């Protein structure tokens, strides 16, 4: 093999092997896609904030912030 040979030369010389390699890569990709362990609706815990205030003897109108 000379220094001027391109990386595509073996693929051009052997088109059947190139086709079989492409089919194998495609088959592996499809198989890998279907075997991915991904849930359609994952369980998610949403963060929550709870604020507690105390003012003994105050009415709800006094505690309202607006």
Protein backbone atom coordinates (compact mmCIF):
# COMPACT_ATOMS: atom_id res chain seq x y z
CA UNK A 1 0.00 0.00 0.00
CA UNK A 2 1.49 3.31 -0.98
CA UNK A 3 1.53 6.49 1.06
CA UNK A 4 -0.94 8.09 -1.38
CA UNK A 5 -3.71 5.53 -0.76
CA UNK A 6 -6.88 7.07 0.59
CA UNK A 7 -8.91 5.70 3.45
CA UNK A 8 -11.80 5.00 1.07
CA UNK A 9 -9.76 2.82 -1.33
CA UNK A 10 -10.54 -0.56 0.35
CA UNK A 11 -14.24 0.31 0.46
CA UNK A 12 -14.26 1.18 -3.24
CA UNK A 13 -12.39 -2.01 -4.17
CA UNK A 14 -14.81 -4.23 -2.18
CA UNK A 15 -18.38 -2.92 -2.59
CA UNK A 16 -20.05 -6.12 -1.32
CA UNK A 17 -18.04 -6.09 1.90
CA UNK A 18 -18.82 -2.39 2.26
CA UNK A 19 -22.55 -3.10 1.86
CA UNK A 20 -22.43 -5.91 4.43
CA UNK A 21 -20.57 -3.68 6.87
CA UNK A 22 -23.17 -0.94 6.41
CA UNK A 23 -26.02 -3.41 7.02
CA UNK A 24 -24.26 -4.72 10.15
CA UNK A 25 -23.80 -1.21 11.53
CA UNK A 26 -27.44 -0.37 10.76
CA UNK A 27 -28.64 -3.60 12.40
CA UNK A 28 -26.51 -2.89 15.48
CA UNK A 29 -27.91 0.63 15.74
CA UNK A 30 -31.52 -0.55 15.49
CA UNK A 31 -30.89 -3.33 18.02
CA UNK A 32 -29.20 -0.92 20.40
CA UNK A 33 -32.06 1.56 20.08
CA UNK A 34 -34.69 -1.02 20.96
CA UNK A 35 -32.71 -2.36 23.92
CA UNK A 36 -32.22 1.04 25.57
CA UNK A 37 -33.67 1.00 29.10
CA UNK A 38 -35.63 4.25 28.88
CA UNK A 39 -38.98 4.67 30.61
CA UNK A 40 -41.74 6.50 28.75
CA UNK A 41 -42.92 8.20 31.96
CA UNK A 42 -40.09 8.30 34.50
CA UNK A 43 -40.82 8.74 38.20
CA UNK A 44 -39.96 12.32 39.15
CA UNK A 45 -40.00 13.90 42.61
CA UNK A 46 -40.73 17.59 42.10
CA UNK A 47 -39.16 19.94 44.63
CA UNK A 48 -41.54 21.71 46.99
CA UNK A 49 -41.15 24.65 49.35
CA UNK A 50 -43.12 25.05 52.55
CA UNK A 51 -43.15 28.33 54.44
CA UNK A 52 -44.50 28.50 58.00
CA UNK A 53 -44.99 31.71 59.96
CA UNK A 54 -46.31 32.29 63.43
CA UNK A 55 -47.71 35.42 64.98
CA UNK A 56 -49.84 34.56 68.03
CA UNK A 57 -53.15 36.41 68.09
CA UNK A 58 -52.92 37.69 64.47
CA UNK A 59 -55.80 37.36 62.05
CA UNK A 60 -55.40 35.85 58.56
CA UNK A 61 -55.63 39.36 57.05
CA UNK A 62 -52.65 40.48 59.11
CA UNK A 63 -50.55 37.51 57.94
CA UNK A 64 -51.44 37.92 54.25
CA UNK A 65 -48.43 39.35 52.35
CA UNK A 66 -50.39 41.43 49.83
